[in-house]
Amino acid sequence: MDGMGMPGSVGEAGAPVRYSVETRWLHWSCAWLILAQFVLGELMHRVPQALHGPIVSAHLSLGVLLAALVVMRVAWRVTGGRAIRFPAGDGLAGRAAPAMHGVLYLALGAEIGLGYLARWSGGKPVTAFGAVINSPFGPMSQATHHLFGSAHGWLAWTIMILAAGHVAAVLYHVRIVRDGVLRRMWA
């Protein structure tokens, strides 16, 4: 058993060869929620009126859940969690992964904030799983509402493009570098 409490997850020099259960759970929970949020966000304006309300409700509830998970994930990362630490390496490749993770964290935080602002600027509360989160702000103009909503939509697409780059980097590691990066995060 290794220092992370998982049998069989220690490498040759005693170094862990996979991320902790908590790290993997946070990663994959956020990944699936981000994908679900994107799909729901794209669907909500393209479905018949009868389906619009339930989709918006699901989007808001999952958005609040995602916000909580992102906060947990950032706290886990900042406090060191029980993640594997690898040397960054030299050159662009060694700096790209930490930079991409930082950009994704910032983009997710901004996207969540813009989601709340888009809802509140339209004069509506954020309702999640039946709980109402009222705006701490006063009334806002229609132009402000439009700005927050548009920024929220564009940033969602940006996050999807960044996530696709993240997946491409994983595939590169799986097929070309063959360093077990997916195995460390998957199983």
C-alpha atoms as a PDB file:
ATOM      1  CA  MET A   1       0.000   0.000   0.000  1.00  0.00           C
ATOM      2  CA  ASP A   2       1.340   3.442  -0.852  1.00  0.00           C
ATOM      3  CA  GLY A   3       1.230   6.725   1.047  1.00  0.00           C
ATOM      4  CA  MET A   4      -2.043   7.542  -0.696  1.00  0.00           C
ATOM      5  CA  GLY A   5      -3.812   4.518   0.780  1.00  0.00           C
ATOM      6  CA  MET A   6      -4.137   2.655  -2.515  1.00  0.00           C
ATOM      7  CA  PRO A   7      -2.698  -0.828  -2.954  1.00  0.00           C
ATOM      8  CA  GLY A   8      -0.477  -1.328  -5.978  1.00  0.00           C
ATOM      9  CA  SER A   9      -0.061   2.306  -6.887  1.00  0.00           C
ATOM     10  CA  VAL A  10       3.613   2.735  -6.057  1.00  0.00           C
ATOM     11  CA  GLY A  11       6.242   2.811  -8.804  1.00  0.00           C
ATOM     12  CA  GLU A  12       9.802   1.536  -8.891  1.00  0.00           C
ATOM     13  CA  ALA A  13      11.425   4.202  -6.731  1.00  0.00           C
ATOM     14  CA  GLY A  14       8.462   4.380  -4.353  1.00  0.00           C
ATOM     15  CA  ALA A  15       6.918   7.233  -6.356  1.00  0.00           C
ATOM     16  CA  PRO A  16       3.128   7.087  -6.786  1.00  0.00           C
ATOM     17  CA  VAL A  17       2.044   6.102 -10.283  1.00  0.00           C
ATOM     18  CA  ARG A  18      -1.530   7.354 -10.088  1.00  0.00           C
ATOM     19  CA  TYR A  19      -3.415  10.225  -8.598  1.00  0.00           C
ATOM     20  CA  SER A  20      -5.366   9.819  -5.360  1.00  0.00           C
ATOM     21  CA  VAL A  21      -9.002   8.759  -5.415  1.00  0.00           C
ATOM     22  CA  GLU A  22     -10.015  12.251  -4.285  1.00  0.00           C
ATOM     23  CA  THR A  23      -8.031  13.948  -7.049  1.00  0.00           C
ATOM     24  CA  ARG A  24      -9.460  11.626  -9.691  1.00  0.00           C
ATOM     25  CA  TRP A  25     -13.006  12.036  -8.362  1.00  0.00           C
ATOM     26  CA  LEU A  26     -12.750  15.827  -8.396  1.00  0.00           C
ATOM     27  CA  HIS A  27     -11.238  15.828 -11.897  1.00  0.00           C
ATOM     28  CA  TRP A  28     -13.819  13.554 -13.512  1.00  0.00           C
ATOM     29  CA  SER A  29     -16.797  15.028 -11.628  1.00  0.00           C
ATOM     30  CA  CYS A  30     -15.835  18.496 -12.844  1.00  0.00           C
ATOM     31  CA  ALA A  31     -15.174  17.239 -16.382  1.00  0.00           C
ATOM     32  CA  TRP A  32     -18.588  15.569 -16.706  1.00  0.00           C
ATOM     33  CA  LEU A  33     -20.386  18.516 -15.102  1.00  0.00           C
ATOM     34  CA  ILE A  34     -18.663  20.968 -17.440  1.00  0.00           C
ATOM     35  CA  LEU A  35     -19.741  18.901 -20.442  1.00  0.00           C
ATOM     36  CA  ALA A  36     -23.311  18.604 -19.110  1.00  0.00           C
ATOM     37  CA  GLN A  37     -23.441  22.350 -18.445  1.00  0.00           C
ATOM     38  CA  PHE A  38     -22.272  23.127 -21.967  1.00  0.00           C
ATOM     39  CA  VAL A  39     -24.864  20.811 -23.526  1.00  0.00           C
ATOM     40  CA  LEU A  40     -27.678  22.177 -21.335  1.00  0.00           C
ATOM     41  CA  GLY A  41     -26.594  25.765 -22.035  1.00  0.00           C
ATOM     42  CA  GLU A  42     -26.679  25.156 -25.775  1.00  0.00           C
ATOM     43  CA  LEU A  43     -30.000  23.309 -25.589  1.00  0.00           C
ATOM     44  CA  MET A  44     -31.901  25.790 -23.441  1.00  0.00           C
ATOM     45  CA  HIS A  45     -32.379  28.268 -26.281  1.00  0.00           C
ATOM     46  CA  ARG A  46     -33.094  25.634 -28.921  1.00  0.00           C
ATOM     47  CA  VAL A  47     -35.894  23.594 -27.373  1.00  0.00           C
ATOM     48  CA  PRO A  48     -39.675  24.082 -27.298  1.00  0.00           C
ATOM     49  CA  GLN A  49     -40.925  26.397 -24.555  1.00  0.00           C
ATOM     50  CA  ALA A  50     -42.267  23.430 -22.553  1.00  0.00           C
ATOM     51  CA  LEU A  51     -38.719  22.086 -22.133  1.00  0.00           C
ATOM     52  CA  HIS A  52     -37.010  25.436 -21.597  1.00  0.00           C
ATOM     53  CA  GLY A  53     -37.864  25.767 -17.880  1.00  0.00           C
ATOM     54  CA  PRO A  54     -36.697  22.284 -16.837  1.00  0.00           C
ATOM     55  CA  ILE A  55     -33.458  22.655 -18.811  1.00  0.00           C
ATOM     56  CA  VAL A  56     -32.750  26.064 -17.259  1.00  0.00           C
ATOM     57  CA  SER A  57     -33.493  24.603 -13.824  1.00  0.00           C
ATOM     58  CA  ALA A  58     -31.091  21.697 -14.412  1.00  0.00           C
ATOM     59  CA  HIS A  59     -28.444  24.087 -15.768  1.00  0.00           C
ATOM     60  CA  LEU A  60     -28.712  26.325 -12.693  1.00  0.00           C
ATOM     61  CA  SER A  61     -28.664  23.436 -10.212  1.00  0.00           C
ATOM     62  CA  LEU A  62     -25.710  21.712 -11.867  1.00  0.00           C
ATOM     63  CA  GLY A  63     -23.968  25.086 -12.137  1.00  0.00           C
ATOM     64  CA  VAL A  64     -24.150  25.608  -8.384  1.00  0.00           C
ATOM     65  CA  LEU A  65     -22.911  22.036  -7.860  1.00  0.00           C
ATOM     66  CA  LEU A  66     -20.050  22.702 -10.299  1.00  0.00           C
ATOM     67  CA  ALA A  67     -19.194  25.927  -8.462  1.00  0.00           C
ATOM     68  CA  ALA A  68     -18.899  23.984  -5.202  1.00  0.00           C
ATOM     69  CA  LEU A  69     -16.736  21.316  -6.845  1.00  0.00           C
ATOM     70  CA  VAL A  70     -14.460  23.911  -8.453  1.00  0.00           C
ATOM     71  CA  VAL A  71     -13.963  25.561  -5.060  1.00  0.00           C
ATOM     72  CA  MET A  72     -13.183  22.132  -3.575  1.00  0.00           C
ATOM     73  CA  ARG A  73     -10.827  21.332  -6.425  1.00  0.00           C
ATOM     74  CA  VAL A  74      -8.933  24.614  -6.107  1.00  0.00           C
ATOM     75  CA  ALA A  75      -8.685  24.156  -2.332  1.00  0.00           C
ATOM     76  CA  TRP A  76      -7.466  20.584  -2.874  1.00  0.00           C
ATOM     77  CA  ARG A  77      -4.845  21.775  -5.345  1.00  0.00           C
ATOM     78  CA  VAL A  78      -3.675  24.771  -3.286  1.00  0.00           C
ATOM     79  CA  THR A  79      -3.295  22.702  -0.125  1.00  0.00           C
ATOM     80  CA  GLY A  80      -1.281  20.080  -2.000  1.00  0.00           C
ATOM     81  CA  GLY A  81      -3.995  17.428  -1.943  1.00  0.00           C
ATOM     82  CA  ARG A  82      -2.656  13.982  -2.480  1.00  0.00           C
ATOM     83  CA  ALA A  83      -1.655  14.450  -6.061  1.00  0.00           C
ATOM     84  CA  ILE A  84       1.417  13.263  -7.872  1.00  0.00           C
ATOM     85  CA  ARG A  85       4.045  15.916  -8.369  1.00  0.00           C
ATOM     86  CA  PHE A  86       6.174  15.539 -11.461  1.00  0.00           C
ATOM     87  CA  PRO A  87       9.089  17.703 -12.482  1.00  0.00           C
ATOM     88  CA  ALA A  88       7.882  20.350 -14.921  1.00  0.00           C
ATOM     89  CA  GLY A  89      10.514  19.510 -17.490  1.00  0.00           C
ATOM     90  CA  ASP A  90      12.321  21.809 -19.833  1.00  0.00           C
ATOM     91  CA  GLY A  91      11.056  24.033 -22.580  1.00  0.00           C
ATOM     92  CA  LEU A  92       7.573  24.841 -23.768  1.00  0.00           C
ATOM     93  CA  ALA A  93       6.096  21.414 -23.033  1.00  0.00           C
ATOM     94  CA  GLY A  94       7.203  21.577 -19.406  1.00  0.00           C
ATOM     95  CA  ARG A  95       5.515  24.947 -18.912  1.00  0.00           C
ATOM     96  CA  ALA A  96       2.429  24.283 -21.046  1.00  0.00           C
ATOM     97  CA  ALA A  97       0.613  21.829 -18.769  1.00  0.00           C
ATOM     98  CA  PRO A  98       0.690  23.960 -15.587  1.00  0.00           C
ATOM     99  CA  ALA A  99      -0.159  27.058 -17.632  1.00  0.00           C
ATOM    100  CA  MET A 100      -3.108  25.294 -19.297  1.00  0.00           C
ATOM    101  CA  HIS A 101      -4.409  24.075 -15.936  1.00  0.00           C
ATOM    102  CA  GLY A 102      -4.144  27.616 -14.553  1.00  0.00           C
ATOM    103  CA  VAL A 103      -6.016  29.037 -17.541  1.00  0.00           C
ATOM    104  CA  LEU A 104      -8.742  26.395 -17.165  1.00  0.00           C
ATOM    105  CA  TYR A 105      -9.160  27.163 -13.455  1.00  0.00           C
ATOM    106  CA  LEU A 106      -9.387  30.904 -14.152  1.00  0.00           C
ATOM    107  CA  ALA A 107     -11.790  30.394 -17.043  1.00  0.00           C
ATOM    108  CA  LEU A 108     -14.032  28.144 -14.939  1.00  0.00           C
ATOM    109  CA  GLY A 109     -14.092  30.662 -12.109  1.00  0.00           C
ATOM    110  CA  ALA A 110     -14.945  33.477 -14.500  1.00  0.00           C
ATOM    111  CA  GLU A 111     -17.598  31.349 -16.236  1.00  0.00           C
ATOM    112  CA  ILE A 112     -19.290  30.529 -12.951  1.00  0.00           C
ATOM    113  CA  GLY A 113     -19.218  34.180 -11.871  1.00  0.00           C
ATOM    114  CA  LEU A 114     -20.604  35.296 -15.228  1.00  0.00           C
ATOM    115  CA  GLY A 115     -23.365  32.704 -14.940  1.00  0.00           C
ATOM    116  CA  TYR A 116     -24.520  34.148 -11.638  1.00  0.00           C
ATOM    117  CA  LEU A 117     -24.229  37.702 -12.978  1.00  0.00           C
ATOM    118  CA  ALA A 118     -26.121  36.833 -16.162  1.00  0.00           C
ATOM    119  CA  ARG A 119     -28.993  35.432 -14.121  1.00  0.00           C
ATOM    120  CA  TRP A 120     -29.065  38.211 -11.539  1.00  0.00           C
ATOM    121  CA  SER A 121     -28.719  41.010 -14.105  1.00  0.00           C
ATOM    122  CA  GLY A 122     -31.902  39.689 -15.711  1.00  0.00           C
ATOM    123  CA  GLY A 123     -33.706  40.259 -12.412  1.00  0.00           C
ATOM    124  CA  LYS A 124     -33.967  36.537 -11.589  1.00  0.00           C
ATOM    125  CA  PRO A 125     -32.478  34.564  -8.711  1.00  0.00           C
ATOM    126  CA  VAL A 126     -30.223  31.558  -9.135  1.00  0.00           C
ATOM    127  CA  THR A 127     -32.345  28.598  -8.042  1.00  0.00           C
ATOM    128  CA  ALA A 128     -30.505  25.361  -7.347  1.00  0.00           C
ATOM    129  CA  PHE A 129     -32.166  22.168  -6.146  1.00  0.00           C
ATOM    130  CA  GLY A 130     -35.043  24.304  -4.832  1.00  0.00           C
ATOM    131  CA  ALA A 131     -32.838  26.773  -2.921  1.00  0.00           C
ATOM    132  CA  VAL A 132     -33.049  30.398  -4.014  1.00  0.00           C
ATOM    133  CA  ILE A 133     -29.908  32.541  -4.224  1.00  0.00           C
ATOM    134  CA  ASN A 134     -31.001  36.148  -4.622  1.00  0.00           C
ATOM    135  CA  SER A 135     -28.846  38.815  -6.191  1.00  0.00           C
ATOM    136  CA  PRO A 136     -26.778  40.930  -3.825  1.00  0.00           C
ATOM    137  CA  PHE A 137     -26.899  43.696  -6.445  1.00  0.00           C
ATOM    138  CA  GLY A 138     -29.521  46.228  -7.353  1.00  0.00           C
ATOM    139  CA  PRO A 139     -31.322  46.383 -10.700  1.00  0.00           C
ATOM    140  CA  MET A 140     -29.128  46.313 -13.800  1.00  0.00           C
ATOM    141  CA  SER A 141     -29.720  47.571 -17.312  1.00  0.00           C
ATOM    142  CA  GLN A 142     -30.715  45.362 -20.228  1.00  0.00           C
ATOM    143  CA  ALA A 143     -27.345  46.170 -21.831  1.00  0.00           C
ATOM    144  CA  THR A 144     -25.524  44.889 -18.743  1.00  0.00           C
ATOM    145  CA  HIS A 145     -27.656  41.734 -18.760  1.00  0.00           C
ATOM    146  CA  HIS A 146     -26.854  41.188 -22.430  1.00  0.00           C
ATOM    147  CA  LEU A 147     -23.136  41.749 -21.794  1.00  0.00           C
ATOM    148  CA  PHE A 148     -23.001  39.174 -18.968  1.00  0.00           C
ATOM    149  CA  GLY A 149     -25.058  36.659 -20.941  1.00  0.00           C
ATOM    150  CA  SER A 150     -22.936  37.030 -24.068  1.00  0.00           C
ATOM    151  CA  ALA A 151     -19.683  36.792 -22.133  1.00  0.00           C
ATOM    152  CA  HIS A 152     -20.990  33.673 -20.358  1.00  0.00           C
ATOM    153  CA  GLY A 153     -21.831  32.054 -23.708  1.00  0.00           C
ATOM    154  CA  TRP A 154     -18.550  32.948 -25.398  1.00  0.00           C
ATOM    155  CA  LEU A 155     -16.492  31.824 -22.415  1.00  0.00           C
ATOM    156  CA  ALA A 156     -18.358  28.482 -22.420  1.00  0.00           C
ATOM    157  CA  TRP A 157     -17.177  27.919 -25.992  1.00  0.00           C
ATOM    158  CA  THR A 158     -13.658  28.993 -25.032  1.00  0.00           C
ATOM    159  CA  ILE A 159     -13.637  26.459 -22.194  1.00  0.00           C
ATOM    160  CA  MET A 160     -14.762  23.737 -24.610  1.00  0.00           C
ATOM    161  CA  ILE A 161     -11.903  24.633 -26.957  1.00  0.00           C
ATOM    162  CA  LEU A 162      -9.436  24.565 -24.055  1.00  0.00           C
ATOM    163  CA  ALA A 163     -10.888  21.220 -22.905  1.00  0.00           C
ATOM    164  CA  ALA A 164     -10.466  19.841 -26.426  1.00  0.00           C
ATOM    165  CA  GLY A 165      -6.822  20.961 -26.291  1.00  0.00           C
ATOM    166  CA  HIS A 166      -6.512  19.230 -22.922  1.00  0.00           C
ATOM    167  CA  VAL A 167      -7.897  15.999 -24.431  1.00  0.00           C
ATOM    168  CA  ALA A 168      -5.554  16.355 -27.428  1.00  0.00           C
ATOM    169  CA  ALA A 169      -2.594  16.697 -25.061  1.00  0.00           C
ATOM    170  CA  VAL A 170      -3.691  13.546 -23.224  1.00  0.00           C
ATOM    171  CA  LEU A 171      -3.971  11.661 -26.512  1.00  0.00           C
ATOM    172  CA  TYR A 172      -0.491  12.889 -27.441  1.00  0.00           C
ATOM    173  CA  HIS A 173       0.815  11.520 -24.144  1.00  0.00           C
ATOM    174  CA  VAL A 174      -1.022   8.222 -24.647  1.00  0.00           C
ATOM    175  CA  ARG A 175      -0.029   7.627 -28.289  1.00  0.00           C
ATOM    176  CA  ILE A 176       3.327   9.395 -28.701  1.00  0.00           C
ATOM    177  CA  VAL A 177       5.003   9.943 -25.326  1.00  0.00           C
ATOM    178  CA  ARG A 178       3.502   6.801 -23.725  1.00  0.00           C
ATOM    179  CA  ASP A 179       4.130   8.051 -20.201  1.00  0.00           C
ATOM    180  CA  GLY A 180       0.961   6.659 -18.571  1.00  0.00           C
ATOM    181  CA  VAL A 181      -0.616  10.058 -17.924  1.00  0.00           C
ATOM    182  CA  LEU A 182      -4.154   8.823 -18.653  1.00  0.00           C
ATOM    183  CA  ARG A 183      -3.663   5.678 -16.570  1.00  0.00           C
ATOM    184  CA  ARG A 184      -2.638   7.836 -13.597  1.00  0.00           C
ATOM    185  CA  MET A 185      -5.834   9.865 -13.816  1.00  0.00           C
ATOM    186  CA  TRP A 186      -8.222   7.147 -15.008  1.00  0.00           C
ATOM    187  CA  ALA A 187      -7.808   4.111 -12.763  1.00  0.00           C
END
